[in-house]
């Protein structure tokens, strides 16, 4: 095979070696990949924005739109795009906040992969799109064929609620549903894989494969690392150190983990994924409660393992899900439990406050080993915001971990991953991988100021931010809001923040210790107290970050920011909301909430 004459002579053999043995699908994928690379290297004046794509082009193109809070939906959408490109389909992959909604009326084929944040809410990168679609401004879509895949967590009552809403709304607007909405739990591939198979078939028919053979617009770069979610690196724990005082009501640990021997790297704002194992004592208690033999062999989908191994390594025991509650209520034949599962508020209480042991002790039911394993949700990795910068710690990664550990009915209860990590001795091994979070990044301009709001363990990524900015010699100012119950026992990384203030790496520190006075004070209260300065920083280009609890704290901080815009900016409520949405669209208001 002759390489093109405009290539350097030295590249000819490399091209021939690369192409040798590839089938037509792989060649099509490479075509799209190199076309995307070429587009990305065009001078800025020659680039074409998404809005400039002519409407006629959409008739022979698949658009895959995704909304992702932690990266799972992004990963699934990328995998789907790679498959469609590999068979020669013209494919555009776009994040929801980068999608020009004016194009929606001209789309012919649209696949949406959307996670649900918390209890039925859109991920941060999808708010504008979902609000537009729900509004009266959304156009009628009789020409559109679509499919929606939702990613969620069935331990929340409104499981995949956002995907369900999008699917219903598109149908209301006249679009043609190609397949039922997919609702994937934390064991994503169980639902996502067959949904993708059907989506690929529909796309090939809709685009009449062969009419459009060039993958366009988005270049999907090969993964840089062999370490993945499903192929983690076995890392060594270097340090497991408590950082709350004995008088604290919390057990918070600082963990330092070695990445030596791996190709893993990360940026401040990323998360570390960890595959935990269940406690042996918990597994024994669960088996005893059901009267099951842990040595019994259980076969699921042609995989045979002892029940002990299924429960220790492969099934959730500390988090209940709605499907399991429904199944257990049927087996228990208990009217009270059936009523609680059917009512939203009592269901919420069961999901939030009960673990498997609590449920079976209060509402006994007979389960055999195989049906129990089938009904329990597969064990999923836990994500922890990284608390270090590699510019400061090299081939290590640091975490800030709250050990979930409490008594219920005079018996001990704990969180699976937090218990696994808290009990892990220094020198022990743990399976890890990096989960990128491109929406939670420091500003590219080191002269920009940053405001960081991180109560409790939400302070973790801001430790990484300050380390990174210090190592880079960034000239922008750093302002941290931190809160916890007590100054004396719960001031996480106190000496580090005090040293950072002294050295000029931290320019302002506002503290909210809620239980140190008669009236509770939280970070949102400190935010309002400093409203004038907060607004001035933001108006002058500062970036604002929030990390921590999504259920209450993040909502209260968001409400406080709206109030800041109204009081300091003189904005009406709708204008204040648009102002804050504008900051998010610019990447200057980012949240890492859970």
Protein backbone atom coordinates (compact mmCIF):
# COMPACT_ATOMS: atom_id res chain seq x y z
CA UNK A 1 0.00 0.00 0.00
CA UNK A 2 1.34 3.42 -0.93
CA UNK A 3 1.14 6.15 1.64
CA UNK A 4 -0.05 9.57 0.38
CA UNK A 5 2.74 11.56 -1.22
CA UNK A 6 2.16 14.55 1.04
CA UNK A 7 3.21 12.52 4.08
CA UNK A 8 6.86 12.63 5.16
CA UNK A 9 8.80 9.67 3.77
CA UNK A 10 9.60 8.48 7.30
CA UNK A 11 5.86 8.03 8.02
CA UNK A 12 5.08 5.71 5.09
CA UNK A 13 6.07 2.46 6.79
CA UNK A 14 4.27 3.47 9.97
CA UNK A 15 1.06 4.04 8.02
CA UNK A 16 1.34 0.68 6.25
CA UNK A 17 2.01 -1.09 9.56
CA UNK A 18 -0.96 0.63 11.20
CA UNK A 19 -3.40 -0.33 8.42
CA UNK A 20 -2.26 -3.92 7.97
CA UNK A 21 -4.99 -6.43 8.81
CA UNK A 22 -7.68 -3.88 9.70
CA UNK A 23 -11.23 -4.60 8.55
CA UNK A 24 -13.42 -1.94 6.85
CA UNK A 25 -15.12 -0.99 10.11
CA UNK A 26 -11.82 -0.29 11.83
CA UNK A 27 -10.63 1.69 8.79
CA UNK A 28 -13.80 3.80 8.94
CA UNK A 29 -13.20 4.48 12.63
CA UNK A 30 -9.65 5.58 11.90
CA UNK A 31 -10.94 7.83 9.15
CA UNK A 32 -13.23 9.56 11.61
CA UNK A 33 -10.53 9.73 14.25
CA UNK A 34 -7.97 11.38 11.97
CA UNK A 35 -10.59 13.71 10.51
CA UNK A 36 -11.40 14.85 14.03
CA UNK A 37 -7.73 15.32 14.87
CA UNK A 38 -7.28 17.36 11.71
CA UNK A 39 -10.26 19.51 12.57
CA UNK A 40 -8.92 20.10 16.06
CA UNK A 41 -5.60 21.32 14.63
CA UNK A 42 -7.12 23.84 12.24
CA UNK A 43 -6.39 27.49 13.01
CA UNK A 44 -9.04 29.03 15.24
CA UNK A 45 -10.38 31.25 12.42
CA UNK A 46 -11.08 28.17 10.28
CA UNK A 47 -12.93 26.21 12.93
CA UNK A 48 -16.62 25.48 12.52
CA UNK A 49 -18.92 25.81 15.50
CA UNK A 50 -21.69 23.35 16.19
CA UNK A 51 -24.25 26.03 15.34
CA UNK A 52 -22.77 26.40 11.86
CA UNK A 53 -23.52 22.81 10.81
CA UNK A 54 -26.16 23.10 8.06
CA UNK A 55 -29.57 21.63 8.77
CA UNK A 56 -29.31 19.34 5.75
CA UNK A 57 -26.32 17.61 7.31
CA UNK A 58 -28.41 16.46 10.27
CA UNK A 59 -30.48 14.18 8.02
CA UNK A 60 -27.55 11.80 7.61
CA UNK A 61 -26.02 12.17 11.04
CA UNK A 62 -26.50 10.66 14.45
CA UNK A 63 -26.21 13.02 17.40
CA UNK A 64 -25.34 11.42 20.73
CA UNK A 65 -25.97 13.87 23.56
CA UNK A 66 -24.91 13.11 27.12
CA UNK A 67 -25.28 14.58 30.57
CA UNK A 68 -22.95 13.30 33.24
CA UNK A 69 -22.22 14.20 36.86
CA UNK A 70 -19.51 11.68 37.71
CA UNK A 71 -18.38 10.53 34.26
CA UNK A 72 -20.40 7.33 33.82
CA UNK A 73 -22.82 8.71 31.24
CA UNK A 74 -19.92 10.28 29.35
CA UNK A 75 -18.12 6.93 29.25
CA UNK A 76 -21.22 5.10 27.99
CA UNK A 77 -21.90 7.76 25.35
CA UNK A 78 -18.30 7.60 24.14
CA UNK A 79 -18.50 3.82 23.84
CA UNK A 80 -21.69 4.10 21.78
CA UNK A 81 -20.11 6.74 19.54
CA UNK A 82 -17.09 4.53 18.97
CA UNK A 83 -19.34 1.66 17.90
CA UNK A 84 -21.36 3.78 15.48
CA UNK A 85 -18.21 5.29 14.00
CA UNK A 86 -16.66 1.85 13.64
CA UNK A 87 -19.44 0.80 11.26
CA UNK A 88 -19.08 4.00 9.24
CA UNK A 89 -21.96 6.08 10.58
CA UNK A 90 -21.61 9.85 10.71
CA UNK A 91 -21.69 10.57 14.42
CA UNK A 92 -21.55 13.65 16.57
CA UNK A 93 -20.88 13.30 20.31
CA UNK A 94 -21.77 16.39 22.35
CA UNK A 95 -22.11 17.23 26.02
CA UNK A 96 -25.50 18.71 26.88
CA UNK A 97 -24.17 22.13 27.86
CA UNK A 98 -22.34 22.40 24.52
CA UNK A 99 -25.43 21.59 22.45
CA UNK A 100 -27.03 24.46 20.54
CA UNK A 101 -30.75 23.96 21.15
CA UNK A 102 -31.57 25.82 17.93
CA UNK A 103 -30.45 22.68 16.09
CA UNK A 104 -33.00 20.44 17.79
CA UNK A 105 -35.75 21.23 15.26
CA UNK A 106 -33.53 19.90 12.45
CA UNK A 107 -32.23 16.74 14.13
CA UNK A 108 -33.28 13.48 12.51
CA UNK A 109 -31.68 10.95 14.87
CA UNK A 110 -30.86 11.69 18.50
CA UNK A 111 -29.62 9.39 21.26
CA UNK A 112 -29.51 10.78 24.80
CA UNK A 113 -27.45 9.22 27.59
CA UNK A 114 -28.40 11.02 30.79
CA UNK A 115 -27.60 10.41 34.44
CA UNK A 116 -29.97 11.39 37.22
CA UNK A 117 -28.45 13.46 39.98
CA UNK A 118 -29.81 12.85 43.47
CA UNK A 119 -33.58 12.46 43.57
CA UNK A 120 -34.70 13.02 39.98
CA UNK A 121 -32.57 16.02 39.06
CA UNK A 122 -30.48 16.72 35.97
CA UNK A 123 -26.68 16.63 36.21
CA UNK A 124 -25.09 20.07 36.35
CA UNK A 125 -23.97 19.99 32.72
CA UNK A 126 -27.53 19.34 31.52
CA UNK A 127 -29.66 21.84 33.36
CA UNK A 128 -29.97 24.34 30.53
CA UNK A 129 -30.83 21.63 27.99
CA UNK A 130 -33.42 19.93 30.19
CA UNK A 131 -35.01 23.26 31.14
CA UNK A 132 -35.21 24.22 27.46
CA UNK A 133 -36.80 20.93 26.50
CA UNK A 134 -39.38 21.25 29.28
CA UNK A 135 -40.23 24.83 28.33
CA UNK A 136 -42.68 26.28 25.83
CA UNK A 137 -39.70 27.27 23.67
CA UNK A 138 -39.06 23.64 22.73
CA UNK A 139 -40.12 23.02 19.10
CA UNK A 140 -42.39 20.31 17.77
CA UNK A 141 -40.25 17.37 16.61
CA UNK A 142 -42.22 15.23 14.13
CA UNK A 143 -39.08 14.52 12.10
CA UNK A 144 -37.03 13.21 15.03
CA UNK A 145 -36.31 9.60 15.91
CA UNK A 146 -34.82 9.18 19.37
CA UNK A 147 -33.85 6.88 22.21
CA UNK A 148 -32.95 7.66 25.82
CA UNK A 149 -30.66 5.72 28.16
CA UNK A 150 -30.80 6.71 31.81
CA UNK A 151 -28.12 6.06 34.43
CA UNK A 152 -29.17 6.22 38.05
CA UNK A 153 -29.16 4.71 41.50
CA UNK A 154 -32.11 2.59 42.59
CA UNK A 155 -31.46 3.49 46.22
CA UNK A 156 -33.27 6.76 45.34
CA UNK A 157 -37.08 6.75 44.96
CA UNK A 158 -37.01 8.57 41.59
CA UNK A 159 -34.72 6.08 39.89
CA UNK A 160 -33.54 7.46 36.52
CA UNK A 161 -36.18 10.16 36.90
CA UNK A 162 -34.47 12.61 34.56
CA UNK A 163 -34.21 10.09 31.73
CA UNK A 164 -37.86 9.18 32.17
CA UNK A 165 -38.83 12.87 31.97
CA UNK A 166 -36.77 13.45 28.82
CA UNK A 167 -38.22 10.38 27.15
CA UNK A 168 -41.80 11.47 27.90
CA UNK A 169 -41.20 15.07 26.83
CA UNK A 170 -39.68 14.11 23.47
CA UNK A 171 -42.72 11.93 22.79
CA UNK A 172 -45.01 14.84 23.72
CA UNK A 173 -43.21 16.99 21.16
CA UNK A 174 -44.04 14.48 18.45
CA UNK A 175 -40.75 12.61 18.20
CA UNK A 176 -40.72 8.88 17.41
CA UNK A 177 -39.35 6.65 20.15
CA UNK A 178 -37.09 3.92 18.71
CA UNK A 179 -36.93 1.84 21.89
CA UNK A 180 -38.11 2.02 25.47
CA UNK A 181 -36.09 4.21 27.78
CA UNK A 182 -33.22 2.28 29.35
CA UNK A 183 -32.83 2.57 33.11
CA UNK A 184 -29.40 1.41 34.24
CA UNK A 185 -28.52 0.99 37.90
CA UNK A 186 -24.96 1.10 39.23
CA UNK A 187 -24.31 -2.19 37.42
CA UNK A 188 -24.51 -0.11 34.26
CA UNK A 189 -23.62 -2.64 31.57
CA UNK A 190 -26.47 -4.97 32.49
CA UNK A 191 -28.90 -2.50 30.89
CA UNK A 192 -26.59 -0.28 28.84
CA UNK A 193 -25.05 -3.06 26.72
CA UNK A 194 -28.30 -4.45 25.23
CA UNK A 195 -29.66 -0.90 24.90
CA UNK A 196 -26.56 0.04 22.87
CA UNK A 197 -26.95 -3.06 20.69
CA UNK A 198 -30.48 -2.06 19.76
CA UNK A 199 -29.48 1.57 19.33
CA UNK A 200 -26.77 0.58 16.86
CA UNK A 201 -29.23 -1.48 14.83
CA UNK A 202 -31.71 1.40 14.69
CA UNK A 203 -28.98 3.85 13.70
CA UNK A 204 -27.82 1.65 10.83
CA UNK A 205 -31.37 1.41 9.50
CA UNK A 206 -32.19 5.09 10.03
CA UNK A 207 -29.02 6.32 8.34
CA UNK A 208 -29.14 3.62 5.65
CA UNK A 209 -25.58 2.53 6.21
CA UNK A 210 -23.46 3.30 3.19
CA UNK A 211 -24.97 6.74 2.49
CA UNK A 212 -22.93 8.33 5.24
CA UNK A 213 -19.59 6.68 5.77
CA UNK A 214 -17.46 9.35 7.37
CA UNK A 215 -17.43 9.88 11.11
CA UNK A 216 -17.40 13.60 11.73
CA UNK A 217 -17.24 16.44 14.22
CA UNK A 218 -15.99 14.57 17.28
CA UNK A 219 -12.64 12.78 17.51
CA UNK A 220 -12.66 10.03 20.11
CA UNK A 221 -9.15 9.62 21.39
CA UNK A 222 -7.92 6.18 22.38
CA UNK A 223 -7.70 5.62 26.11
CA UNK A 224 -4.28 6.63 27.37
CA UNK A 225 -4.18 4.13 30.20
CA UNK A 226 -4.82 0.40 30.47
CA UNK A 227 -6.08 0.88 34.02
CA UNK A 228 -9.87 1.13 33.88
CA UNK A 229 -12.93 0.75 36.06
CA UNK A 230 -13.08 -2.93 35.14
CA UNK A 231 -9.30 -3.42 35.19
CA UNK A 232 -8.16 -1.48 38.27
CA UNK A 233 -4.64 -1.10 39.59
CA UNK A 234 -3.84 -2.87 42.85
CA UNK A 235 -2.35 -0.02 44.89
CA UNK A 236 -0.65 0.07 48.29
CA UNK A 237 -2.03 2.06 51.20
CA UNK A 238 0.82 4.17 52.61
CA UNK A 239 -0.97 6.07 55.39
CA UNK A 240 -4.28 5.74 57.23
CA UNK A 241 -4.45 8.62 59.71
CA UNK A 242 -7.42 9.97 61.73
CA UNK A 243 -7.75 13.75 61.35
CA UNK A 244 -10.62 14.35 63.78
CA UNK A 245 -10.16 14.51 67.54
CA UNK A 246 -11.38 11.78 69.89
CA UNK A 247 -14.15 14.12 71.04
CA UNK A 248 -15.59 14.40 67.57
CA UNK A 249 -18.80 12.68 66.56
CA UNK A 250 -17.13 11.78 63.26
CA UNK A 251 -14.28 9.50 62.28
CA UNK A 252 -12.55 11.18 59.35
CA UNK A 253 -9.36 9.71 57.88
CA UNK A 254 -6.58 11.05 55.68
CA UNK A 255 -5.42 8.29 53.32
CA UNK A 256 -2.27 8.28 51.21
CA UNK A 257 -2.08 5.69 48.41
CA UNK A 258 0.83 4.80 46.16
CA UNK A 259 0.39 4.78 42.37
CA UNK A 260 3.87 3.39 41.76
CA UNK A 261 3.96 0.76 39.07
CA UNK A 262 0.88 2.08 37.29
CA UNK A 263 0.31 4.47 34.41
CA UNK A 264 -2.27 6.38 36.45
CA UNK A 265 -2.20 10.16 36.57
CA UNK A 266 -4.83 12.68 37.61
CA UNK A 267 -5.67 16.35 37.81
CA UNK A 268 -7.12 18.30 40.75
CA UNK A 269 -10.87 17.83 40.59
CA UNK A 270 -10.71 14.18 39.52
CA UNK A 271 -11.96 11.29 41.65
CA UNK A 272 -10.38 8.03 42.72
CA UNK A 273 -12.54 4.96 42.17
CA UNK A 274 -12.14 2.16 44.70
CA UNK A 275 -13.54 -1.36 44.57
CA UNK A 276 -14.39 -2.34 48.18
CA UNK A 277 -15.19 -5.71 49.71
CA UNK A 278 -17.86 -6.41 52.31
CA UNK A 279 -16.94 -7.09 55.93
CA UNK A 280 -16.73 -10.78 56.85
CA UNK A 281 -18.77 -10.17 60.00
CA UNK A 282 -21.50 -8.44 58.00
CA UNK A 283 -21.59 -11.30 55.48
CA UNK A 284 -21.89 -13.85 58.29
CA UNK A 285 -24.70 -11.84 59.91
CA UNK A 286 -26.62 -11.61 56.65
CA UNK A 287 -26.27 -15.33 55.97
CA UNK A 288 -27.40 -16.14 59.51
CA UNK A 289 -30.42 -13.83 59.22
CA UNK A 290 -31.56 -15.69 56.09
CA UNK A 291 -30.48 -19.12 57.36
CA UNK A 292 -28.12 -19.67 54.42
CA UNK A 293 -24.93 -21.72 54.07
CA UNK A 294 -22.04 -19.49 52.96
CA UNK A 295 -20.26 -22.48 51.40
CA UNK A 296 -23.18 -23.29 49.12
CA UNK A 297 -22.47 -22.87 45.41
CA UNK A 298 -24.53 -20.27 43.57
CA UNK A 299 -24.60 -20.08 39.76
CA UNK A 300 -25.64 -16.83 38.04
CA UNK A 301 -25.35 -16.50 34.26
CA UNK A 302 -23.06 -19.54 34.10
CA UNK A 303 -20.76 -18.10 36.78
CA UNK A 304 -20.36 -20.44 39.77
CA UNK A 305 -19.09 -19.13 43.11
CA UNK A 306 -19.59 -19.93 46.80
CA UNK A 307 -22.28 -17.73 48.37
CA UNK A 308 -19.58 -16.23 50.61
CA UNK A 309 -17.66 -14.94 47.58
CA UNK A 310 -20.81 -13.52 45.98
CA UNK A 311 -21.63 -11.57 49.14
CA UNK A 312 -18.09 -10.44 49.99
CA UNK A 313 -16.98 -9.27 46.55
CA UNK A 314 -19.96 -8.98 44.24
CA UNK A 315 -23.15 -7.81 46.02
CA UNK A 316 -24.35 -4.70 47.86
CA UNK A 317 -25.30 -5.39 51.49
CA UNK A 318 -25.29 -1.90 53.02
CA UNK A 319 -27.44 -0.08 50.42
CA UNK A 320 -31.05 -1.04 49.75
CA UNK A 321 -32.74 -0.52 46.39
CA UNK A 322 -36.38 -0.14 45.47
CA UNK A 323 -36.46 -3.33 43.31
CA UNK A 324 -35.13 -5.40 46.21
CA UNK A 325 -37.60 -3.81 48.65
CA UNK A 326 -40.49 -4.66 46.33
CA UNK A 327 -39.28 -8.25 45.96
CA UNK A 328 -38.72 -8.63 49.72
CA UNK A 329 -42.16 -7.22 50.54
CA UNK A 330 -43.75 -9.80 48.24
CA UNK A 331 -41.82 -12.65 49.84
CA UNK A 332 -42.56 -11.42 53.35
CA UNK A 333 -46.25 -11.08 52.45
CA UNK A 334 -46.34 -8.26 54.96
CA UNK A 335 -49.07 -5.63 54.35
CA UNK A 336 -47.25 -3.02 56.45
CA UNK A 337 -44.04 -3.34 54.44
CA UNK A 338 -45.95 -3.39 51.15
CA UNK A 339 -47.68 -0.16 52.17
CA UNK A 340 -44.36 1.46 53.15
CA UNK A 341 -42.79 0.53 49.82
CA UNK A 342 -45.78 1.95 47.92
CA UNK A 343 -45.76 5.36 49.67
CA UNK A 344 -43.01 7.76 48.45
CA UNK A 345 -42.05 9.24 51.83
CA UNK A 346 -41.96 5.94 53.72
CA UNK A 347 -40.05 4.41 50.80
CA UNK A 348 -37.54 7.25 51.08
CA UNK A 349 -37.10 6.47 54.79
CA UNK A 350 -36.47 2.80 54.09
CA UNK A 351 -33.90 3.59 51.40
CA UNK A 352 -32.11 6.24 53.49
CA UNK A 353 -32.18 4.69 56.96
CA UNK A 354 -32.25 0.91 56.53
CA UNK A 355 -29.61 -1.61 55.57
CA UNK A 356 -30.28 -5.20 54.52
CA UNK A 357 -29.89 -6.52 58.08
CA UNK A 358 -32.34 -3.93 59.43
CA UNK A 359 -34.92 -4.89 56.83
CA UNK A 360 -34.75 -8.66 57.31
CA UNK A 361 -34.85 -8.38 61.10
CA UNK A 362 -37.89 -6.10 61.09
CA UNK A 363 -39.62 -7.85 58.20
CA UNK A 364 -38.44 -11.48 57.95
CA UNK A 365 -38.84 -13.32 54.64
CA UNK A 366 -37.60 -16.61 53.25
CA UNK A 367 -34.93 -16.40 50.54
CA UNK A 368 -32.94 -19.16 48.90
CA UNK A 369 -29.31 -18.39 48.06
CA UNK A 370 -29.62 -18.09 44.27
CA UNK A 371 -32.71 -15.82 44.18
CA UNK A 372 -31.16 -13.64 46.89
CA UNK A 373 -27.95 -13.14 44.92
CA UNK A 374 -29.98 -12.40 41.79
CA UNK A 375 -32.12 -9.82 43.61
CA UNK A 376 -29.28 -7.95 45.32
CA UNK A 377 -27.62 -5.18 43.36
CA UNK A 378 -24.08 -5.89 42.16
CA UNK A 379 -21.37 -4.24 44.21
CA UNK A 380 -20.18 -1.02 42.58
CA UNK A 381 -17.00 1.03 43.07
CA UNK A 382 -17.09 4.14 45.24
CA UNK A 383 -15.77 7.48 44.02
CA UNK A 384 -13.77 9.80 46.28
CA UNK A 385 -12.74 13.35 45.42
CA UNK A 386 -8.95 13.44 45.25
CA UNK A 387 -7.35 15.55 47.98
CA UNK A 388 -3.90 16.05 46.45
CA UNK A 389 -2.04 17.49 43.49
CA UNK A 390 0.59 15.38 41.77
CA UNK A 391 2.68 18.53 41.53
CA UNK A 392 2.98 18.27 45.30
CA UNK A 393 2.83 14.52 46.07
CA UNK A 394 4.24 12.84 42.95
CA UNK A 395 3.15 9.23 42.45
CA UNK A 396 0.69 9.29 45.33
CA UNK A 397 -2.99 10.08 45.64
CA UNK A 398 -4.60 11.35 48.85
CA UNK A 399 -8.19 10.99 50.06
CA UNK A 400 -10.32 12.47 52.83
CA UNK A 401 -12.63 9.72 54.08
CA UNK A 402 -15.55 9.82 56.52
CA UNK A 403 -15.99 6.43 58.16
CA UNK A 404 -19.73 5.69 58.22
CA UNK A 405 -20.04 3.77 61.48
CA UNK A 406 -23.02 3.77 63.85
CA UNK A 407 -25.20 1.62 66.09
CA UNK A 408 -28.77 0.60 65.26
CA UNK A 409 -30.79 -1.43 67.76
CA UNK A 410 -27.58 -2.02 69.75
CA UNK A 411 -25.86 -3.51 66.71
CA UNK A 412 -23.06 -2.03 64.61
CA UNK A 413 -23.72 -0.70 61.11
CA UNK A 414 -21.29 0.80 58.61
CA UNK A 415 -20.79 1.87 55.03
CA UNK A 416 -19.21 -0.75 52.81
CA UNK A 417 -16.33 1.24 51.28
CA UNK A 418 -15.66 3.50 54.25
CA UNK A 419 -15.43 0.48 56.55
CA UNK A 420 -13.21 -1.37 54.08
CA UNK A 421 -10.83 1.60 53.82
CA UNK A 422 -10.86 2.55 57.50
CA UNK A 423 -9.99 -0.99 58.51
CA UNK A 424 -7.30 -1.39 55.86
CA UNK A 425 -3.85 -1.43 57.43
CA UNK A 426 -0.92 0.49 56.01
CA UNK A 427 0.79 -1.75 53.47
CA UNK A 428 -2.53 -3.30 52.48
CA UNK A 429 -3.71 -3.40 48.87
CA UNK A 430 -6.78 -1.86 47.26
CA UNK A 431 -8.06 -1.85 43.64
CA UNK A 432 -8.18 1.72 42.26
CA UNK A 433 -8.74 3.66 39.06
CA UNK A 434 -9.06 7.33 38.10
CA UNK A 435 -12.41 8.90 37.21
CA UNK A 436 -11.81 12.13 35.32
CA UNK A 437 -14.02 15.13 36.11
CA UNK A 438 -13.37 17.69 33.35
CA UNK A 439 -16.18 19.96 34.61
CA UNK A 440 -14.41 20.49 37.96
CA UNK A 441 -11.13 22.01 36.88
CA UNK A 442 -9.07 24.98 38.00
CA UNK A 443 -9.24 27.96 35.64
CA UNK A 444 -6.81 27.79 32.72
CA UNK A 445 -5.74 31.35 33.52
CA UNK A 446 -3.65 31.21 36.72
CA UNK A 447 -4.41 34.88 37.35
CA UNK A 448 -8.10 34.14 37.97
CA UNK A 449 -9.34 34.15 41.56
CA UNK A 450 -11.11 31.07 42.92
CA UNK A 451 -13.77 30.72 45.63
CA UNK A 452 -14.04 27.23 47.16
CA UNK A 453 -16.97 26.06 49.30
CA UNK A 454 -16.34 22.68 50.90
CA UNK A 455 -17.74 21.77 54.33
CA UNK A 456 -16.76 18.47 55.93
CA UNK A 457 -15.02 16.04 53.59
CA UNK A 458 -16.12 18.31 50.74
CA UNK A 459 -12.91 20.20 51.43
CA UNK A 460 -10.89 17.38 49.83
CA UNK A 461 -10.57 18.70 46.23
CA UNK A 462 -9.73 22.17 47.52
CA UNK A 463 -6.68 20.83 49.29
CA UNK A 464 -5.64 19.63 45.82
CA UNK A 465 -6.54 23.01 44.27
CA UNK A 466 -4.41 24.98 46.71
CA UNK A 467 -1.47 22.58 46.33
CA UNK A 468 -1.68 22.84 42.54
CA UNK A 469 -1.96 26.64 42.50
CA UNK A 470 0.94 26.94 44.91
CA UNK A 471 3.18 24.64 42.83
CA UNK A 472 2.28 26.53 39.65
CA UNK A 473 2.90 29.94 41.20
CA UNK A 474 -0.61 31.08 40.23
CA UNK A 475 -1.15 34.77 40.89
CA UNK A 476 -4.91 34.50 41.40
CA UNK A 477 -6.30 34.63 44.93
CA UNK A 478 -7.72 31.59 46.75
CA UNK A 479 -10.70 31.90 49.11
CA UNK A 480 -11.98 28.90 51.09
CA UNK A 481 -15.26 28.45 52.96
CA UNK A 482 -15.10 25.47 55.33
CA UNK A 483 -17.56 24.20 57.90
CA UNK A 484 -18.03 21.34 60.38
CA UNK A 485 -19.63 20.90 63.81
CA UNK A 486 -16.76 21.92 66.14
CA UNK A 487 -13.54 23.92 65.83
CA UNK A 488 -11.63 21.88 68.42
CA UNK A 489 -12.37 18.43 67.04
CA UNK A 490 -13.50 18.80 63.41
CA UNK A 491 -11.22 21.37 61.76
CA UNK A 492 -9.89 19.16 58.96
CA UNK A 493 -6.34 20.00 57.81
CA UNK A 494 -6.23 22.93 60.24
CA UNK A 495 -2.44 23.30 60.32
CA UNK A 496 -2.22 23.08 56.52
CA UNK A 497 -4.74 25.90 56.05
CA UNK A 498 -3.03 28.04 58.65
CA UNK A 499 0.32 27.51 56.96
CA UNK A 500 -1.23 28.27 53.56
CA UNK A 501 -2.57 31.56 54.93
CA UNK A 502 0.83 32.44 56.34
CA UNK A 503 2.63 31.56 53.11
CA UNK A 504 0.17 33.42 50.91
CA UNK A 505 -1.15 30.29 49.17
CA UNK A 506 -4.56 30.89 50.74
CA UNK A 507 -5.78 34.47 50.82
CA UNK A 508 -8.99 34.18 52.79
CA UNK A 509 -10.53 31.50 55.03
CA UNK A 510 -14.12 31.76 56.28
CA UNK A 511 -15.11 29.15 58.87
CA UNK A 512 -18.55 27.91 59.96
CA UNK A 513 -18.52 25.63 63.01
CA UNK A 514 -22.20 24.97 63.41
CA UNK A 515 -22.32 23.64 66.99
CA UNK A 516 -19.89 26.01 68.71
CA UNK A 517 -22.61 28.56 69.55
CA UNK A 518 -26.30 28.50 70.40
CA UNK A 519 -27.33 29.46 66.87
CA UNK A 520 -26.19 27.08 64.15
CA UNK A 521 -23.96 28.62 61.49
CA UNK A 522 -23.29 26.98 58.13
CA UNK A 523 -21.17 27.81 55.09
CA UNK A 524 -24.16 29.37 53.32
CA UNK A 525 -24.52 31.79 56.25
CA UNK A 526 -20.86 32.78 55.94
CA UNK A 527 -21.40 33.19 52.21
CA UNK A 528 -24.23 35.64 52.79
CA UNK A 529 -22.22 37.49 55.44
CA UNK A 530 -19.49 38.07 52.83
CA UNK A 531 -21.98 38.74 50.01
CA UNK A 532 -20.42 42.01 48.88
CA UNK A 533 -16.94 40.54 48.46
CA UNK A 534 -18.27 37.33 46.90
CA UNK A 535 -20.20 39.27 44.27
CA UNK A 536 -17.26 41.55 43.56
CA UNK A 537 -14.89 38.60 43.08
CA UNK A 538 -17.34 36.91 40.72
CA UNK A 539 -17.98 40.08 38.74
CA UNK A 540 -14.21 40.40 38.33
CA UNK A 541 -13.93 36.92 36.80
CA UNK A 542 -13.48 34.57 39.77
CA UNK A 543 -14.37 30.87 39.48
CA UNK A 544 -16.58 29.37 42.19
CA UNK A 545 -16.58 25.71 43.25
CA UNK A 546 -18.86 23.72 45.57
CA UNK A 547 -18.14 20.21 46.87
CA UNK A 548 -20.06 18.06 49.32
CA UNK A 549 -23.58 17.00 50.20
CA UNK A 550 -26.04 17.40 47.32
CA UNK A 551 -29.19 16.86 49.37
CA UNK A 552 -29.01 19.95 51.59
CA UNK A 553 -25.73 21.85 51.54
CA UNK A 554 -25.42 22.32 47.77
CA UNK A 555 -29.04 23.45 47.50
CA UNK A 556 -28.63 25.90 50.40
CA UNK A 557 -25.44 27.31 48.87
CA UNK A 558 -27.16 27.68 45.50
CA UNK A 559 -30.02 29.56 47.15
CA UNK A 560 -27.51 31.79 48.96
CA UNK A 561 -25.76 32.61 45.69
CA UNK A 562 -29.07 33.64 44.15
CA UNK A 563 -29.64 35.87 47.16
CA UNK A 564 -26.17 37.39 46.71
CA UNK A 565 -27.04 38.23 43.10
CA UNK A 566 -30.30 39.87 44.17
CA UNK A 567 -28.95 41.88 47.09
CA UNK A 568 -25.54 42.87 45.72
CA UNK A 569 -26.35 42.93 41.99
CA UNK A 570 -29.84 44.36 42.30
CA UNK A 571 -31.18 41.54 40.12
CA UNK A 572 -34.75 40.26 40.06
CA UNK A 573 -35.12 36.52 40.88
CA UNK A 574 -35.28 35.39 37.24
CA UNK A 575 -32.31 37.58 36.29
CA UNK A 576 -30.37 36.21 39.29
CA UNK A 577 -31.04 32.67 38.10
CA UNK A 578 -29.88 33.56 34.59
CA UNK A 579 -26.74 35.16 36.03
CA UNK A 580 -25.87 32.02 37.96
CA UNK A 581 -26.70 29.81 34.96
CA UNK A 582 -24.39 32.03 32.92
CA UNK A 583 -21.54 31.46 35.35
CA UNK A 584 -22.11 27.70 35.08
CA UNK A 585 -22.19 27.87 31.27
CA UNK A 586 -18.86 29.73 31.32
CA UNK A 587 -17.38 27.06 33.58
CA UNK A 588 -17.10 29.55 36.45
CA UNK A 589 -19.62 27.83 38.74
CA UNK A 590 -18.83 24.14 39.14
CA UNK A 591 -20.11 21.57 41.62
CA UNK A 592 -18.87 18.17 42.72
CA UNK A 593 -21.78 17.00 44.87
CA UNK A 594 -22.94 13.60 46.07
